[in-house]
Amino acid sequence: MNDNRIPFKKFHLRNERLRGQYDEAYYSKQHAKGKLTARERIDFLMDEAVFEK
């Protein structure tokens, strides 16, 4: 495994743990406003298909 990918793997593991702290009402409220949650925006930015160094 490439050493540069290890921090991303740790980030994604931590992100999954933190994702469970919010309930569905929080997500529904943000989506009703036409917004993504902060975590969803981070996921979008860190998407390997989109992200370039």
Protein backbone atom coordinates (compact mmCIF):
# COMPACT_ATOMS: atom_id res chain seq x y z
CA MET A 1 0.00 0.00 0.00
CA ASN A 2 1.22 3.47 -0.85
CA ASP A 3 2.23 5.41 2.30
CA ASN A 4 0.23 8.43 1.11
CA ARG A 5 -2.97 6.42 1.32
CA ILE A 6 -2.62 5.45 4.98
CA PRO A 7 -3.76 8.84 6.34
CA PHE A 8 -6.78 8.72 4.03
CA LYS A 9 -7.67 5.25 5.24
CA LYS A 10 -7.47 6.44 8.87
CA PHE A 11 -9.54 9.49 7.96
CA HIS A 12 -12.26 7.36 6.39
CA LEU A 13 -12.37 4.98 9.37
CA ARG A 14 -12.71 7.90 11.78
CA ASN A 15 -15.28 9.51 9.52
CA GLU A 16 -17.46 6.40 9.61
CA ARG A 17 -17.38 6.36 13.43
CA LEU A 18 -18.33 10.03 13.63
CA ARG A 19 -21.07 9.68 11.04
CA GLY A 20 -23.06 7.61 13.52
CA GLN A 21 -23.29 10.54 15.94
CA TYR A 22 -25.93 12.35 13.89
CA ASP A 23 -29.48 11.20 13.57
CA GLU A 24 -31.58 11.07 10.43
CA ALA A 25 -33.37 14.32 11.35
CA TYR A 26 -30.09 16.24 10.99
CA TYR A 27 -29.51 14.84 7.50
CA SER A 28 -33.12 15.44 6.46
CA LYS A 29 -32.98 19.04 7.65
CA GLN A 30 -29.82 19.77 5.65
CA HIS A 31 -31.10 18.01 2.53
CA ALA A 32 -34.45 19.84 2.74
CA LYS A 33 -32.48 23.10 2.51
CA GLY A 34 -30.75 21.76 -0.61
CA LYS A 35 -27.46 21.45 1.24
CA LEU A 36 -24.99 18.67 1.86
CA THR A 37 -23.77 17.98 5.37
CA ALA A 38 -20.18 18.87 6.18
CA ARG A 39 -19.23 15.20 6.07
CA GLU A 40 -20.86 14.77 2.66
CA ARG A 41 -18.92 17.78 1.34
CA ILE A 42 -15.67 16.32 2.69
CA ASP A 43 -16.47 12.95 1.11
CA PHE A 44 -17.09 14.69 -2.20
CA LEU A 45 -13.79 16.57 -2.01
CA MET A 46 -11.85 13.47 -1.02
CA ASP A 47 -13.41 11.27 -3.70
CA GLU A 48 -10.46 9.58 -5.38
CA ALA A 49 -12.10 9.89 -8.78
CA VAL A 50 -12.26 13.70 -8.36
CA PHE A 51 -9.27 14.42 -6.10
CA GLU A 52 -5.94 15.27 -7.71
CA LYS A 53 -2.70 16.08 -5.93
